[in-house]
Amino acid sequence: MPTVLEGQLSAAGLRVAIVASRFNALVVEPLIAGALDAITRTGGSGDAVTIVRCPGAWELPQVVRWVLARGGFDAVIALGAVIRGATPHFDYVAGEAAKGVAAAAAGSDVPVVFGVLTTDTIEQALERAGCKAGNKGFDAAMAAIELASLRGRLASGA
């Protein structure tokens, strides 16, 4: 039989940073609420969560790097929303936010989860922030919790 290592969905004792953009707050605030809900539902404490605000999705990668450099967190969740407009601005912001957060994650042992919505319309964004399509902030937090647990298991030699 193969050995299977998986993370557990328990946030008990985890220290989590949520880096959230203020731009598109109508969408981002429910994402934050969803992430906090996931953390508390899985045994985590709201007191162990630090929310770090930045202007927009473009700034998320830099702030995620700062949070990682500060240390003291078991996981970092990047939350934001980039909604397509009539110009190519969407492509630049969405792509660079994704690449930048991915680069920060690749350079760190701390799990970093990308919870930035990239949608064509505000309606699609709202659907993914707690309406028809669930809450992607909740989903991002669940991924972060599982990864932090898996990291701990691997570090302990499990």
N, C-alpha and C. Protein backbone atom coordinates (compact mmCIF):
# COMPACT_ATOMS: atom_id res chain seq x y z
N MET A 1 0.83 -1.19 0.00
CA MET A 1 0.00 0.00 0.00
C MET A 1 0.88 1.25 0.00
N PRO A 2 0.54 2.22 -0.78
CA PRO A 2 1.30 3.47 -0.76
C PRO A 2 0.98 4.28 0.50
N THR A 3 1.91 5.09 0.90
CA THR A 3 1.68 6.04 1.99
C THR A 3 1.04 7.28 1.39
N VAL A 4 -0.04 7.73 1.98
CA VAL A 4 -0.74 8.92 1.51
C VAL A 4 -0.69 9.97 2.61
N LEU A 5 -0.15 11.12 2.28
CA LEU A 5 -0.12 12.24 3.22
C LEU A 5 -1.07 13.31 2.73
N GLU A 6 -1.93 13.76 3.61
CA GLU A 6 -2.89 14.81 3.28
C GLU A 6 -2.96 15.78 4.44
N GLY A 7 -3.32 17.00 4.12
CA GLY A 7 -3.57 17.97 5.17
C GLY A 7 -4.95 17.77 5.75
N GLN A 8 -5.13 18.22 6.96
CA GLN A 8 -6.43 18.15 7.63
C GLN A 8 -7.11 19.51 7.55
N LEU A 9 -8.40 19.50 7.62
CA LEU A 9 -9.15 20.76 7.58
C LEU A 9 -9.43 21.23 9.00
N SER A 10 -8.35 21.53 9.70
CA SER A 10 -8.45 22.09 11.04
C SER A 10 -7.56 23.33 11.12
N ALA A 11 -8.19 24.46 11.44
CA ALA A 11 -7.45 25.71 11.56
C ALA A 11 -7.05 25.98 13.01
N ALA A 12 -7.31 25.03 13.90
CA ALA A 12 -6.97 25.22 15.31
C ALA A 12 -5.48 25.53 15.44
N GLY A 13 -5.17 26.63 16.08
CA GLY A 13 -3.79 27.03 16.32
C GLY A 13 -3.09 27.69 15.15
N LEU A 14 -3.75 27.80 14.01
CA LEU A 14 -3.11 28.42 12.84
C LEU A 14 -3.17 29.94 12.93
N ARG A 15 -2.10 30.57 12.47
CA ARG A 15 -2.04 32.03 12.32
C ARG A 15 -2.09 32.32 10.83
N VAL A 16 -3.12 33.04 10.43
CA VAL A 16 -3.38 33.26 9.01
C VAL A 16 -3.39 34.76 8.71
N ALA A 17 -2.73 35.12 7.63
CA ALA A 17 -2.80 36.50 7.13
C ALA A 17 -3.68 36.51 5.89
N ILE A 18 -4.61 37.44 5.86
CA ILE A 18 -5.42 37.67 4.67
C ILE A 18 -4.98 39.02 4.10
N VAL A 19 -4.43 38.99 2.89
CA VAL A 19 -4.04 40.22 2.20
C VAL A 19 -5.16 40.52 1.23
N ALA A 20 -5.86 41.63 1.45
CA ALA A 20 -7.06 41.93 0.67
C ALA A 20 -6.98 43.32 0.05
N SER A 21 -7.40 43.38 -1.21
CA SER A 21 -7.44 44.66 -1.89
C SER A 21 -8.71 45.43 -1.52
N ARG A 22 -8.60 46.75 -1.47
CA ARG A 22 -9.76 47.59 -1.20
C ARG A 22 -10.57 47.85 -2.47
N PHE A 23 -9.92 47.83 -3.63
CA PHE A 23 -10.62 48.08 -4.88
C PHE A 23 -11.64 46.97 -5.10
N ASN A 24 -12.81 47.30 -5.60
CA ASN A 24 -13.92 46.37 -5.76
C ASN A 24 -14.37 45.80 -4.41
N ALA A 25 -14.44 46.67 -3.42
CA ALA A 25 -14.80 46.27 -2.05
C ALA A 25 -16.15 45.57 -1.98
N LEU A 26 -17.06 45.91 -2.86
CA LEU A 26 -18.37 45.26 -2.88
C LEU A 26 -18.22 43.75 -3.05
N VAL A 27 -17.19 43.34 -3.74
CA VAL A 27 -16.92 41.93 -3.97
C VAL A 27 -15.92 41.39 -2.94
N VAL A 28 -14.91 42.16 -2.63
CA VAL A 28 -13.83 41.67 -1.76
C VAL A 28 -14.28 41.48 -0.31
N GLU A 29 -15.12 42.36 0.19
CA GLU A 29 -15.57 42.22 1.58
C GLU A 29 -16.28 40.88 1.83
N PRO A 30 -17.18 40.43 0.94
CA PRO A 30 -17.76 39.10 1.16
C PRO A 30 -16.73 37.98 1.04
N LEU A 31 -15.69 38.16 0.22
CA LEU A 31 -14.62 37.16 0.15
C LEU A 31 -13.90 37.05 1.49
N ILE A 32 -13.63 38.19 2.11
CA ILE A 32 -12.99 38.20 3.43
C ILE A 32 -13.90 37.51 4.44
N ALA A 33 -15.18 37.85 4.41
CA ALA A 33 -16.13 37.22 5.34
C ALA A 33 -16.16 35.71 5.14
N GLY A 34 -16.12 35.27 3.89
CA GLY A 34 -16.10 33.84 3.60
C GLY A 34 -14.85 33.17 4.14
N ALA A 35 -13.70 33.82 3.98
CA ALA A 35 -12.45 33.26 4.49
C ALA A 35 -12.49 33.15 6.02
N LEU A 36 -12.98 34.20 6.67
CA LEU A 36 -13.08 34.17 8.13
C LEU A 36 -14.04 33.07 8.59
N ASP A 37 -15.14 32.90 7.85
CA ASP A 37 -16.09 31.85 8.17
C ASP A 37 -15.42 30.47 8.09
N ALA A 38 -14.66 30.23 7.03
CA ALA A 38 -13.98 28.94 6.88
C ALA A 38 -13.00 28.69 8.03
N ILE A 39 -12.28 29.73 8.41
CA ILE A 39 -11.29 29.59 9.48
C ILE A 39 -11.97 29.26 10.80
N THR A 40 -13.04 29.97 11.13
CA THR A 40 -13.71 29.71 12.41
C THR A 40 -14.48 28.39 12.38
N ARG A 41 -15.07 28.03 11.26
CA ARG A 41 -15.79 26.75 11.16
C ARG A 41 -14.88 25.55 11.33
N THR A 42 -13.60 25.73 11.01
CA THR A 42 -12.66 24.62 11.12
C THR A 42 -11.82 24.71 12.40
N GLY A 43 -12.31 25.46 13.37
CA GLY A 43 -11.66 25.49 14.67
C GLY A 43 -10.65 26.59 14.88
N GLY A 44 -10.48 27.47 13.92
CA GLY A 44 -9.54 28.57 14.07
C GLY A 44 -10.16 29.72 14.84
N SER A 45 -9.32 30.64 15.22
CA SER A 45 -9.76 31.79 15.98
C SER A 45 -9.62 33.05 15.15
N GLY A 46 -10.64 33.89 15.19
CA GLY A 46 -10.55 35.19 14.52
C GLY A 46 -9.41 36.02 15.07
N ASP A 47 -9.04 35.80 16.33
CA ASP A 47 -7.93 36.53 16.93
C ASP A 47 -6.58 36.14 16.33
N ALA A 48 -6.54 34.99 15.66
CA ALA A 48 -5.29 34.52 15.06
C ALA A 48 -5.20 34.91 13.58
N VAL A 49 -6.13 35.76 13.13
CA VAL A 49 -6.15 36.22 11.74
C VAL A 49 -5.75 37.69 11.70
N THR A 50 -4.86 38.01 10.78
CA THR A 50 -4.47 39.40 10.53
C THR A 50 -4.90 39.75 9.12
N ILE A 51 -5.70 40.81 8.99
CA ILE A 51 -6.11 41.28 7.67
C ILE A 51 -5.24 42.47 7.30
N VAL A 52 -4.57 42.35 6.17
CA VAL A 52 -3.69 43.40 5.68
C VAL A 52 -4.33 43.95 4.41
N ARG A 53 -4.62 45.24 4.41
CA ARG A 53 -5.29 45.86 3.27
C ARG A 53 -4.27 46.51 2.34
N CYS A 54 -4.58 46.44 1.05
CA CYS A 54 -3.78 47.15 0.06
C CYS A 54 -4.72 47.79 -0.94
N PRO A 55 -4.23 48.72 -1.77
CA PRO A 55 -5.13 49.44 -2.66
C PRO A 55 -5.90 48.56 -3.65
N GLY A 56 -5.18 47.69 -4.36
CA GLY A 56 -5.84 46.89 -5.39
C GLY A 56 -5.12 45.60 -5.66
N ALA A 57 -5.59 44.87 -6.66
CA ALA A 57 -5.00 43.57 -7.00
C ALA A 57 -3.56 43.70 -7.48
N TRP A 58 -3.25 44.81 -8.16
CA TRP A 58 -1.88 45.02 -8.64
C TRP A 58 -0.88 44.99 -7.49
N GLU A 59 -1.27 45.53 -6.34
CA GLU A 59 -0.37 45.63 -5.18
C GLU A 59 -0.31 44.36 -4.35
N LEU A 60 -1.20 43.41 -4.58
CA LEU A 60 -1.23 42.19 -3.77
C LEU A 60 0.11 41.45 -3.71
N PRO A 61 0.79 41.23 -4.84
CA PRO A 61 2.05 40.47 -4.76
C PRO A 61 3.09 41.12 -3.84
N GLN A 62 3.24 42.42 -3.95
CA GLN A 62 4.23 43.09 -3.11
C GLN A 62 3.86 42.97 -1.63
N VAL A 63 2.61 43.16 -1.31
CA VAL A 63 2.19 43.09 0.08
C VAL A 63 2.28 41.65 0.59
N VAL A 64 1.96 40.67 -0.23
CA VAL A 64 2.14 39.27 0.18
C VAL A 64 3.61 39.01 0.50
N ARG A 65 4.52 39.51 -0.32
CA ARG A 65 5.96 39.33 -0.04
C ARG A 65 6.34 39.98 1.29
N TRP A 66 5.82 41.17 1.57
CA TRP A 66 6.11 41.84 2.84
C TRP A 66 5.60 41.03 4.02
N VAL A 67 4.40 40.49 3.88
CA VAL A 67 3.81 39.68 4.95
C VAL A 67 4.66 38.43 5.19
N LEU A 68 5.08 37.79 4.11
CA LEU A 68 5.93 36.61 4.26
C LEU A 68 7.26 36.97 4.92
N ALA A 69 7.83 38.10 4.54
CA ALA A 69 9.10 38.53 5.13
C ALA A 69 8.94 38.85 6.62
N ARG A 70 7.80 39.40 6.98
CA ARG A 70 7.53 39.71 8.39
C ARG A 70 7.52 38.43 9.22
N GLY A 71 6.95 37.36 8.64
CA GLY A 71 6.90 36.08 9.33
C GLY A 71 5.78 36.01 10.35
N GLY A 72 5.71 34.86 11.01
CA GLY A 72 4.73 34.66 12.05
C GLY A 72 3.40 34.11 11.58
N PHE A 73 3.29 33.71 10.31
CA PHE A 73 2.03 33.18 9.80
C PHE A 73 2.22 31.77 9.28
N ASP A 74 1.16 30.97 9.44
CA ASP A 74 1.16 29.60 8.93
C ASP A 74 0.63 29.53 7.50
N ALA A 75 -0.09 30.55 7.08
CA ALA A 75 -0.63 30.61 5.72
C ALA A 75 -0.98 32.06 5.39
N VAL A 76 -0.93 32.38 4.10
CA VAL A 76 -1.30 33.71 3.61
C VAL A 76 -2.33 33.51 2.50
N ILE A 77 -3.40 34.29 2.56
CA ILE A 77 -4.46 34.23 1.56
C ILE A 77 -4.54 35.59 0.88
N ALA A 78 -4.40 35.62 -0.44
CA ALA A 78 -4.54 36.86 -1.20
C ALA A 78 -5.95 36.93 -1.78
N LEU A 79 -6.68 38.00 -1.45
CA LEU A 79 -8.06 38.15 -1.92
C LEU A 79 -8.22 39.47 -2.67
N GLY A 80 -8.90 39.40 -3.78
CA GLY A 80 -9.18 40.60 -4.56
C GLY A 80 -10.15 40.27 -5.68
N ALA A 81 -10.44 41.26 -6.49
CA ALA A 81 -11.34 41.07 -7.64
C ALA A 81 -10.90 41.98 -8.77
N VAL A 82 -10.71 41.39 -9.93
CA VAL A 82 -10.39 42.15 -11.13
C VAL A 82 -11.52 41.86 -12.12
N ILE A 83 -12.22 42.90 -12.51
CA ILE A 83 -13.39 42.75 -13.37
C ILE A 83 -13.09 43.40 -14.72
N ARG A 84 -13.32 42.64 -15.77
CA ARG A 84 -12.99 43.10 -17.12
C ARG A 84 -13.74 44.38 -17.45
N GLY A 85 -13.04 45.29 -18.09
CA GLY A 85 -13.66 46.53 -18.56
C GLY A 85 -13.51 46.62 -20.07
N ALA A 86 -13.59 47.82 -20.59
CA ALA A 86 -13.54 48.02 -22.03
C ALA A 86 -12.11 48.20 -22.55
N THR A 87 -11.12 48.13 -21.66
CA THR A 87 -9.73 48.33 -22.08
C THR A 87 -8.91 47.09 -21.71
N PRO A 88 -7.69 46.97 -22.20
CA PRO A 88 -6.85 45.82 -21.87
C PRO A 88 -6.28 45.87 -20.45
N HIS A 89 -6.63 46.88 -19.68
CA HIS A 89 -6.15 47.02 -18.31
C HIS A 89 -6.36 45.73 -17.50
N PHE A 90 -7.52 45.09 -17.67
CA PHE A 90 -7.85 43.84 -16.98
C PHE A 90 -6.76 42.80 -17.18
N ASP A 91 -6.34 42.62 -18.43
CA ASP A 91 -5.35 41.59 -18.75
C ASP A 91 -4.04 41.81 -18.02
N TYR A 92 -3.61 43.06 -17.96
CA TYR A 92 -2.36 43.37 -17.27
C TYR A 92 -2.48 43.16 -15.77
N VAL A 93 -3.53 43.68 -15.18
CA VAL A 93 -3.68 43.59 -13.73
C VAL A 93 -3.90 42.15 -13.30
N ALA A 94 -4.81 41.45 -13.95
CA ALA A 94 -5.10 40.07 -13.57
C ALA A 94 -3.88 39.17 -13.74
N GLY A 95 -3.23 39.30 -14.88
CA GLY A 95 -2.06 38.46 -15.15
C GLY A 95 -0.91 38.72 -14.21
N GLU A 96 -0.61 39.99 -13.97
CA GLU A 96 0.52 40.31 -13.10
C GLU A 96 0.22 39.99 -11.63
N ALA A 97 -1.03 40.15 -11.22
CA ALA A 97 -1.39 39.78 -9.85
C ALA A 97 -1.19 38.27 -9.66
N ALA A 98 -1.66 37.50 -10.62
CA ALA A 98 -1.51 36.04 -10.53
C ALA A 98 -0.03 35.63 -10.55
N LYS A 99 0.73 36.19 -11.48
CA LYS A 99 2.16 35.85 -11.56
C LYS A 99 2.90 36.27 -10.31
N GLY A 100 2.60 37.46 -9.81
CA GLY A 100 3.30 37.96 -8.64
C GLY A 100 3.01 37.17 -7.38
N VAL A 101 1.75 36.81 -7.17
CA VAL A 101 1.41 36.00 -6.00
C VAL A 101 2.01 34.61 -6.14
N ALA A 102 2.00 34.06 -7.35
CA ALA A 102 2.61 32.75 -7.58
C ALA A 102 4.12 32.79 -7.30
N ALA A 103 4.77 33.86 -7.71
CA ALA A 103 6.20 33.99 -7.45
C ALA A 103 6.48 34.09 -5.95
N ALA A 104 5.66 34.84 -5.23
CA ALA A 104 5.82 34.94 -3.78
C ALA A 104 5.64 33.56 -3.14
N ALA A 105 4.65 32.81 -3.61
CA ALA A 105 4.41 31.47 -3.08
C ALA A 105 5.59 30.54 -3.37
N ALA A 106 6.11 30.63 -4.57
CA ALA A 106 7.22 29.75 -4.96
C ALA A 106 8.48 30.04 -4.15
N GLY A 107 8.61 31.26 -3.67
CA GLY A 107 9.80 31.63 -2.91
C GLY A 107 9.64 31.48 -1.41
N SER A 108 8.57 30.83 -0.97
CA SER A 108 8.31 30.73 0.46
C SER A 108 7.91 29.31 0.84
N ASP A 109 8.25 28.93 2.06
CA ASP A 109 7.77 27.65 2.60
C ASP A 109 6.38 27.79 3.19
N VAL A 110 5.93 29.02 3.39
CA VAL A 110 4.60 29.26 3.93
C VAL A 110 3.58 29.17 2.79
N PRO A 111 2.51 28.41 2.97
CA PRO A 111 1.49 28.33 1.92
C PRO A 111 0.88 29.70 1.61
N VAL A 112 0.79 29.99 0.32
CA VAL A 112 0.16 31.21 -0.16
C VAL A 112 -0.93 30.78 -1.14
N VAL A 113 -2.15 31.26 -0.90
CA VAL A 113 -3.29 30.87 -1.73
C VAL A 113 -3.81 32.09 -2.49
N PHE A 114 -4.09 31.89 -3.76
CA PHE A 114 -4.58 32.95 -4.66
C PHE A 114 -6.09 32.91 -4.69
N GLY A 115 -6.73 33.88 -4.07
CA GLY A 115 -8.18 33.98 -4.04
C GLY A 115 -8.65 35.24 -4.72
N VAL A 116 -8.06 35.55 -5.86
CA VAL A 116 -8.43 36.76 -6.60
C VAL A 116 -9.38 36.36 -7.72
N LEU A 117 -10.56 36.94 -7.70
CA LEU A 117 -11.52 36.69 -8.76
C LEU A 117 -11.12 37.45 -10.01
N THR A 118 -11.22 36.82 -11.16
CA THR A 118 -10.99 37.48 -12.44
C THR A 118 -12.21 37.16 -13.29
N THR A 119 -13.10 38.11 -13.42
CA THR A 119 -14.38 37.86 -14.07
C THR A 119 -14.64 38.88 -15.18
N ASP A 120 -15.60 38.54 -16.03
CA ASP A 120 -15.98 39.44 -17.11
C ASP A 120 -16.95 40.52 -16.64
N THR A 121 -17.77 40.20 -15.63
CA THR A 121 -18.80 41.15 -15.20
C THR A 121 -18.86 41.21 -13.67
N ILE A 122 -19.45 42.28 -13.18
CA ILE A 122 -19.66 42.43 -11.74
C ILE A 122 -20.62 41.34 -11.25
N GLU A 123 -21.57 40.96 -12.07
CA GLU A 123 -22.51 39.91 -11.68
C GLU A 123 -21.79 38.58 -11.45
N GLN A 124 -20.85 38.25 -12.33
CA GLN A 124 -20.07 37.02 -12.14
C GLN A 124 -19.25 37.10 -10.86
N ALA A 125 -18.68 38.25 -10.59
CA ALA A 125 -17.88 38.42 -9.38
C ALA A 125 -18.74 38.23 -8.13
N LEU A 126 -19.92 38.85 -8.13
CA LEU A 126 -20.81 38.73 -6.97
C LEU A 126 -21.28 37.29 -6.78
N GLU A 127 -21.52 36.58 -7.89
CA GLU A 127 -21.91 35.17 -7.79
C GLU A 127 -20.82 34.35 -7.09
N ARG A 128 -19.57 34.68 -7.31
CA ARG A 128 -18.45 33.93 -6.74
C ARG A 128 -18.06 34.43 -5.35
N ALA A 129 -18.70 35.50 -4.92
CA ALA A 129 -18.41 36.08 -3.61
C ALA A 129 -19.54 35.79 -2.62
N GLY A 130 -20.26 34.71 -2.87
CA GLY A 130 -21.25 34.29 -1.89
C GLY A 130 -22.66 34.12 -2.40
N CYS A 131 -22.87 34.35 -3.69
CA CYS A 131 -24.22 34.15 -4.23
C CYS A 131 -24.32 32.76 -4.85
N LYS A 132 -24.64 32.68 -6.11
CA LYS A 132 -24.91 31.41 -6.79
C LYS A 132 -23.73 30.43 -6.81
N ALA A 133 -22.53 30.93 -6.96
CA ALA A 133 -21.36 30.06 -7.18
C ALA A 133 -20.54 29.85 -5.91
N GLY A 134 -21.15 29.97 -4.76
CA GLY A 134 -20.42 29.79 -3.51
C GLY A 134 -19.58 31.01 -3.19
N ASN A 135 -18.65 30.83 -2.28
CA ASN A 135 -17.79 31.94 -1.87
C ASN A 135 -16.35 31.51 -2.05
N LYS A 136 -15.67 32.13 -3.01
CA LYS A 136 -14.29 31.75 -3.31
C LYS A 136 -13.32 32.17 -2.21
N GLY A 137 -13.70 33.11 -1.36
CA GLY A 137 -12.89 33.43 -0.18
C GLY A 137 -12.90 32.26 0.79
N PHE A 138 -14.06 31.66 0.98
CA PHE A 138 -14.19 30.46 1.80
C PHE A 138 -13.31 29.35 1.23
N ASP A 139 -13.42 29.13 -0.08
CA ASP A 139 -12.64 28.09 -0.75
C ASP A 139 -11.14 28.32 -0.61
N ALA A 140 -10.71 29.57 -0.76
CA ALA A 140 -9.29 29.90 -0.63
C ALA A 140 -8.80 29.61 0.78
N ALA A 141 -9.60 29.96 1.78
CA ALA A 141 -9.21 29.70 3.16
C ALA A 141 -9.13 28.20 3.43
N MET A 142 -10.05 27.44 2.90
CA MET A 142 -10.00 25.98 3.08
C MET A 142 -8.72 25.40 2.47
N ALA A 143 -8.34 25.90 1.30
CA ALA A 143 -7.09 25.44 0.68
C ALA A 143 -5.90 25.82 1.54
N ALA A 144 -5.91 27.03 2.09
CA ALA A 144 -4.80 27.48 2.94
C ALA A 144 -4.70 26.63 4.20
N ILE A 145 -5.83 26.32 4.80
CA ILE A 145 -5.85 25.49 6.01
C ILE A 145 -5.28 24.10 5.71
N GLU A 146 -5.74 23.51 4.62
CA GLU A 146 -5.25 22.18 4.25
C GLU A 146 -3.75 22.20 3.96
N LEU A 147 -3.29 23.21 3.24
CA LEU A 147 -1.86 23.30 2.93
C LEU A 147 -1.01 23.52 4.18
N ALA A 148 -1.47 24.37 5.09
CA ALA A 148 -0.72 24.59 6.33
C ALA A 148 -0.62 23.31 7.13
N SER A 149 -1.69 22.54 7.16
CA SER A 149 -1.67 21.26 7.86
C SER A 149 -0.71 20.28 7.19
N LEU A 150 -0.77 20.22 5.87
CA LEU A 150 0.11 19.32 5.13
C LEU A 150 1.57 19.70 5.33
N ARG A 151 1.85 20.98 5.29
CA ARG A 151 3.22 21.45 5.54
C ARG A 151 3.70 21.00 6.90
N GLY A 152 2.84 21.14 7.91
CA GLY A 152 3.20 20.70 9.26
C GLY A 152 3.46 19.21 9.33
N ARG A 153 2.64 18.43 8.66
CA ARG A 153 2.83 16.96 8.65
C ARG A 153 4.14 16.59 7.96
N LEU A 154 4.43 17.23 6.86
CA LEU A 154 5.67 16.93 6.14
C LEU A 154 6.90 17.37 6.95
N ALA A 155 6.81 18.51 7.61
CA ALA A 155 7.92 19.01 8.41
C ALA A 155 8.20 18.13 9.62
N SER A 156 7.15 17.48 10.12
CA SER A 156 7.32 16.61 11.31
C SER A 156 7.78 15.21 10.93
N GLY A 157 7.91 14.97 9.63
CA GLY A 157 8.37 13.65 9.19
C GLY A 157 7.27 12.63 9.13
N ALA A 158 6.03 13.05 9.15
CA ALA A 158 4.89 12.11 9.09
C ALA A 158 4.83 11.38 7.79
